[in-house]
Amino acid sequence: MYTEKPEQRFRIIKRGKKMNIWAHRGCSQNYPENTLLAFQKAAEIPGLTGIELDIQLTKDNHMVVCHDERVDRTTDGIGQVGGYTLAELRKLRISGNNGTWEKIPTIQEVVDLLEERMKAGLLLNIELKNSIIPYEGMEEKILEYIHSRGLGKQVVYSSFYAKSLEKIREMDGEASIGVLDGRVSDCLYKLKGCGADALHPFWQGMDLPAKRLQGYSVRAWFTGHLYPEKPTGTLLDLAELEKKGITDVFLNEAERYLQG
């Protein structure tokens, strides 16, 4: 078990002068979400702040990267992620570009892929998908793994489930933690009890004035088009979002904002 050292304190990742842009589930507009391909493409984007992904646990307790609790939407299988062993999950296919196929990766595979970029400054937001299915031991498992790789300072842990974030804070006083919810006011309310240091609201849930949010990283998430849906072609007005107090955005098509 990873235990907190007495001298550890909360750590806040500060924003720069411009909006911080994260690749939501990798480059998920143009490539299958939460796949090694999507993460590789995201890692190649110059100026990217970080990559966001989601973890679930398999039937035999392996950490895999998948947003939904079920595999139906993104693979050719059916059923809950937790109903499959890792070996069974490996047999499922995710339709990719030009007739290619991807697979649901493990967190180990993703970290192996991104390790060098993370050591160079890229951040990784790991969302624990345990608000619907409270996977037992997930918090301890992911903390132990990330610290075994020496990457604790490059990771943000997030969840809609405040009690899960409490566990992370109890085990690691230096962890960077973002609390998820639909409205920023609800994020702020939950933050006070769970030990988080950042707010992760839905971008249209900014129901507090920006001055109330000063001092916090406010990382807004978006719904919208995912591969293979066609992009809308519109771009967000980042300056207007900053006026609302948003410091970071999780985008499906981050490359459009950073590659001209």
Protein backbone atom coordinates (compact mmCIF):
# COMPACT_ATOMS: atom_id res chain seq x y z
CA MET A 1 0.00 0.00 0.00
CA TYR A 2 1.23 3.49 -0.82
CA THR A 3 1.30 5.49 2.42
CA GLU A 4 1.44 9.22 2.91
CA LYS A 5 4.64 10.75 4.24
CA PRO A 6 4.25 13.20 7.17
CA GLU A 7 5.63 16.13 5.18
CA GLN A 8 3.26 15.69 2.24
CA ARG A 9 0.82 18.49 1.41
CA PHE A 10 -1.85 19.15 -1.17
CA ARG A 11 -0.40 19.92 -4.58
CA ILE A 12 -2.13 22.16 -7.11
CA ILE A 13 -1.13 22.13 -10.77
CA LYS A 14 -1.14 25.76 -11.82
CA ARG A 15 -2.35 26.97 -15.19
CA GLY A 16 -0.24 29.00 -17.56
CA LYS A 17 -1.15 32.28 -19.23
CA LYS A 18 -3.32 30.57 -21.83
CA MET A 19 -6.12 28.05 -21.58
CA ASN A 20 -4.77 24.58 -20.83
CA ILE A 21 -5.96 22.04 -23.40
CA TRP A 22 -6.33 18.32 -22.72
CA ALA A 23 -7.11 15.53 -25.15
CA HIS A 24 -10.36 13.95 -23.95
CA ARG A 25 -10.01 10.15 -24.24
CA GLY A 26 -7.09 10.91 -26.55
CA CYS A 27 -7.79 12.33 -30.00
CA SER A 28 -11.29 10.92 -29.78
CA GLN A 29 -12.89 12.84 -32.64
CA ASN A 30 -10.67 11.38 -35.33
CA TYR A 31 -9.65 8.06 -33.77
CA PRO A 32 -11.41 5.48 -31.57
CA GLU A 33 -11.66 6.84 -28.03
CA ASN A 34 -9.47 5.50 -25.22
CA THR A 35 -7.28 3.45 -27.54
CA LEU A 36 -3.51 3.39 -27.90
CA LEU A 37 -3.92 4.95 -31.33
CA ALA A 38 -5.91 7.89 -29.94
CA PHE A 39 -3.36 8.38 -27.15
CA GLN A 40 -0.40 8.18 -29.52
CA LYS A 41 -1.93 10.84 -31.76
CA ALA A 42 -2.60 13.05 -28.73
CA ALA A 43 0.97 12.66 -27.46
CA GLU A 44 2.20 14.07 -30.76
CA ILE A 45 0.32 17.38 -30.34
CA PRO A 46 2.71 20.23 -29.50
CA GLY A 47 1.68 22.31 -26.50
CA LEU A 48 -0.85 19.80 -25.15
CA THR A 49 -1.29 20.04 -21.37
CA GLY A 50 -2.43 16.47 -20.86
CA ILE A 51 -4.51 13.47 -21.83
CA GLU A 52 -7.69 12.32 -20.09
CA LEU A 53 -8.77 8.68 -19.85
CA ASP A 54 -11.08 6.43 -17.85
CA ILE A 55 -10.36 3.21 -15.95
CA GLN A 56 -12.52 0.23 -15.03
CA LEU A 57 -11.65 -3.13 -13.45
CA THR A 58 -12.05 -6.48 -15.19
CA LYS A 59 -13.50 -9.58 -13.57
CA ASP A 60 -9.98 -10.69 -12.66
CA ASN A 61 -9.05 -7.26 -11.27
CA HIS A 62 -7.00 -5.77 -14.11
CA MET A 63 -7.16 -2.01 -14.74
CA VAL A 64 -8.35 -1.31 -18.28
CA VAL A 65 -9.09 1.92 -20.12
CA CYS A 66 -12.74 2.23 -21.10
CA HIS A 67 -15.28 5.00 -20.55
CA ASP A 68 -18.54 3.08 -20.40
CA GLU A 69 -19.36 0.45 -17.80
CA ARG A 70 -20.49 -1.69 -20.74
CA VAL A 71 -18.53 -2.57 -23.88
CA ASP A 72 -21.53 -2.43 -26.23
CA ARG A 73 -21.02 1.08 -27.63
CA THR A 74 -17.32 0.95 -28.42
CA THR A 75 -16.61 -2.73 -29.22
CA ASP A 76 -18.16 -5.71 -31.01
CA GLY A 77 -19.02 -7.27 -27.65
CA ILE A 78 -21.86 -6.90 -25.15
CA GLY A 79 -22.02 -6.73 -21.37
CA GLN A 80 -20.23 -5.03 -18.50
CA VAL A 81 -16.47 -4.53 -18.47
CA GLY A 82 -16.41 -6.12 -15.03
CA GLY A 83 -18.06 -9.23 -16.40
CA TYR A 84 -15.02 -10.04 -18.57
CA THR A 85 -11.60 -11.35 -17.63
CA LEU A 86 -8.71 -9.52 -19.26
CA ALA A 87 -8.12 -12.42 -21.64
CA GLU A 88 -11.79 -12.33 -22.70
CA LEU A 89 -11.72 -8.55 -23.11
CA ARG A 90 -8.69 -8.86 -25.40
CA LYS A 91 -10.82 -10.73 -27.90
CA LEU A 92 -13.16 -7.76 -28.40
CA ARG A 93 -12.50 -5.44 -31.31
CA ILE A 94 -12.89 -1.69 -31.71
CA SER A 95 -13.45 -0.52 -35.27
CA GLY A 96 -10.71 1.85 -36.37
CA ASN A 97 -9.67 3.85 -39.41
CA ASN A 98 -9.55 2.25 -42.86
CA GLY A 99 -10.74 -1.16 -41.73
CA THR A 100 -8.23 -1.48 -38.90
CA TRP A 101 -9.06 -2.76 -35.43
CA GLU A 102 -8.08 -1.55 -31.97
CA LYS A 103 -8.41 -3.19 -28.56
CA ILE A 104 -9.27 -1.98 -25.07
CA PRO A 105 -5.85 -1.23 -23.53
CA THR A 106 -4.66 -1.79 -19.98
CA ILE A 107 -3.45 1.19 -17.95
CA GLN A 108 0.02 -0.39 -18.06
CA GLU A 109 0.03 -0.27 -21.87
CA VAL A 110 -1.03 3.37 -21.87
CA VAL A 111 1.62 4.38 -19.35
CA ASP A 112 4.26 2.46 -21.31
CA LEU A 113 3.23 4.44 -24.40
CA LEU A 114 3.17 7.85 -22.70
CA GLU A 115 5.92 7.50 -20.09
CA GLU A 116 8.58 9.51 -21.91
CA ARG A 117 6.16 12.32 -22.75
CA MET A 118 4.96 12.35 -19.14
CA LYS A 119 8.51 12.63 -17.87
CA ALA A 120 8.88 15.58 -20.24
CA GLY A 121 5.84 17.31 -18.68
CA LEU A 122 2.67 15.82 -20.18
CA LEU A 123 -0.06 15.28 -17.57
CA LEU A 124 -2.41 12.31 -17.39
CA ASN A 125 -5.93 12.65 -15.95
CA ILE A 126 -7.17 9.27 -14.78
CA GLU A 127 -10.90 9.20 -14.16
CA LEU A 128 -11.97 6.40 -11.85
CA LYS A 129 -15.26 5.12 -13.26
CA ASN A 130 -16.66 4.00 -9.94
CA SER A 131 -19.71 6.18 -9.39
CA ILE A 132 -22.04 3.53 -10.86
CA ILE A 133 -20.04 0.39 -10.06
CA PRO A 134 -17.94 0.92 -6.90
CA TYR A 135 -14.98 -1.26 -7.85
CA GLU A 136 -13.44 -2.45 -4.61
CA GLY A 137 -9.79 -1.51 -4.15
CA MET A 138 -9.55 0.59 -7.32
CA GLU A 139 -8.09 3.61 -5.53
CA GLU A 140 -5.29 1.71 -3.86
CA LYS A 141 -4.56 -0.24 -7.02
CA ILE A 142 -4.12 2.78 -9.28
CA LEU A 143 -2.11 4.74 -6.70
CA GLU A 144 0.27 1.87 -6.13
CA TYR A 145 0.77 1.39 -9.85
CA ILE A 146 1.39 5.05 -10.69
CA HIS A 147 3.85 5.44 -7.84
CA SER A 148 5.64 2.24 -8.83
CA ARG A 149 6.32 3.97 -12.16
CA GLY A 150 7.55 7.15 -10.46
CA LEU A 151 4.90 9.27 -12.17
CA GLY A 152 2.82 10.52 -9.23
CA LYS A 153 3.50 14.18 -9.98
CA GLN A 154 2.27 13.83 -13.56
CA VAL A 155 -1.15 12.38 -12.74
CA VAL A 156 -4.50 13.93 -11.83
CA TYR A 157 -7.10 11.58 -10.34
CA SER A 158 -10.77 12.41 -10.86
CA SER A 159 -14.18 10.90 -10.17
CA PHE A 160 -17.83 11.78 -9.72
CA TYR A 161 -17.73 9.65 -6.56
CA ALA A 162 -16.52 11.87 -3.70
CA LYS A 163 -15.85 8.97 -1.31
CA SER A 164 -13.42 7.51 -3.82
CA LEU A 165 -11.52 10.80 -3.90
CA GLU A 166 -11.49 10.84 -0.09
CA LYS A 167 -9.72 7.46 -0.17
CA ILE A 168 -7.12 8.76 -2.58
CA ARG A 169 -6.46 11.80 -0.40
CA GLU A 170 -6.12 9.61 2.70
CA MET A 171 -3.57 7.40 0.96
CA ASP A 172 -1.65 10.17 -0.80
CA GLY A 173 -1.54 13.67 0.63
CA GLU A 174 0.25 15.01 -2.45
CA ALA A 175 -2.07 13.61 -5.10
CA SER A 176 -3.63 16.07 -7.52
CA ILE A 177 -7.39 15.42 -7.39
CA GLY A 178 -10.24 16.81 -9.49
CA VAL A 179 -13.86 16.42 -8.44
CA LEU A 180 -16.37 15.84 -11.25
CA ASP A 181 -19.97 17.00 -11.40
CA GLY A 182 -22.40 18.71 -13.73
CA ARG A 183 -22.35 22.12 -12.03
CA VAL A 184 -19.32 23.94 -10.71
CA SER A 185 -21.22 24.79 -7.52
CA ASP A 186 -21.69 21.07 -6.85
CA CYS A 187 -18.02 20.45 -7.57
CA LEU A 188 -17.08 23.14 -5.05
CA TYR A 189 -19.44 21.68 -2.45
CA LYS A 190 -17.99 18.18 -2.88
CA LEU A 191 -14.41 19.45 -2.95
CA LYS A 192 -14.57 20.67 0.63
CA GLY A 193 -15.33 17.19 1.93
CA CYS A 194 -13.23 14.97 -0.30
CA GLY A 195 -9.87 16.72 -0.30
CA ALA A 196 -9.81 17.57 -4.00
CA ASP A 197 -7.87 20.59 -5.24
CA ALA A 198 -9.49 21.11 -8.65
CA LEU A 199 -13.02 21.46 -10.03
CA HIS A 200 -14.12 19.44 -13.08
CA PRO A 201 -17.59 20.70 -14.09
CA PHE A 202 -19.57 20.37 -17.31
CA TRP A 203 -18.75 23.44 -19.38
CA GLN A 204 -22.37 24.62 -19.38
CA GLY A 205 -22.61 24.16 -15.61
CA MET A 206 -20.71 27.32 -14.68
CA ASP A 207 -23.28 28.62 -12.21
CA LEU A 208 -20.92 30.65 -10.01
CA PRO A 209 -19.17 33.94 -10.79
CA ALA A 210 -15.56 33.61 -11.91
CA LYS A 211 -14.25 35.48 -8.86
CA ARG A 212 -15.61 32.71 -6.62
CA LEU A 213 -13.39 30.25 -8.47
CA GLN A 214 -10.11 32.14 -8.27
CA GLY A 215 -7.29 29.99 -6.95
CA TYR A 216 -8.77 26.76 -8.33
CA SER A 217 -7.98 24.87 -11.48
CA VAL A 218 -11.35 24.63 -13.24
CA ARG A 219 -11.15 21.91 -15.90
CA ALA A 220 -14.34 21.82 -17.94
CA TRP A 221 -15.52 18.74 -19.81
CA PHE A 222 -17.66 18.57 -22.90
CA THR A 223 -20.07 16.14 -24.49
CA GLY A 224 -20.29 15.95 -28.25
CA HIS A 225 -19.03 14.14 -31.27
CA LEU A 226 -16.77 11.11 -30.96
CA TYR A 227 -15.23 8.93 -33.65
CA PRO A 228 -16.68 7.86 -36.07
CA GLU A 229 -19.16 10.75 -35.96
CA LYS A 230 -18.30 13.68 -38.21
CA PRO A 231 -17.03 16.84 -36.49
CA THR A 232 -19.24 19.91 -36.44
CA GLY A 233 -16.48 22.16 -37.73
CA THR A 234 -17.10 24.80 -35.06
CA LEU A 235 -14.47 26.01 -32.60
CA LEU A 236 -15.01 27.10 -29.01
CA ASP A 237 -14.34 30.67 -27.97
CA LEU A 238 -11.69 29.94 -25.34
CA ALA A 239 -11.46 33.60 -24.29
CA GLU A 240 -15.15 33.56 -23.35
CA LEU A 241 -14.67 30.36 -21.36
CA GLU A 242 -11.78 31.94 -19.48
CA LYS A 243 -14.07 34.81 -18.48
CA LYS A 244 -16.30 32.24 -16.78
CA GLY A 245 -13.38 31.06 -14.66
CA ILE A 246 -12.48 27.99 -16.72
CA THR A 247 -8.72 27.33 -16.74
CA ASP A 248 -8.59 24.04 -18.68
CA VAL A 249 -10.72 22.22 -21.23
CA PHE A 250 -11.01 18.51 -22.07
CA LEU A 251 -11.58 18.37 -25.84
CA ASN A 252 -12.24 15.53 -28.26
CA GLU A 253 -10.40 17.40 -31.01
CA ALA A 254 -7.60 19.08 -29.09
CA GLU A 255 -5.34 19.07 -32.16
CA ARG A 256 -7.49 21.70 -33.90
CA TYR A 257 -6.70 24.21 -31.14
CA LEU A 258 -2.96 23.56 -30.96
CA GLN A 259 -1.88 22.78 -34.49
CA GLY A 260 -3.19 25.88 -36.19
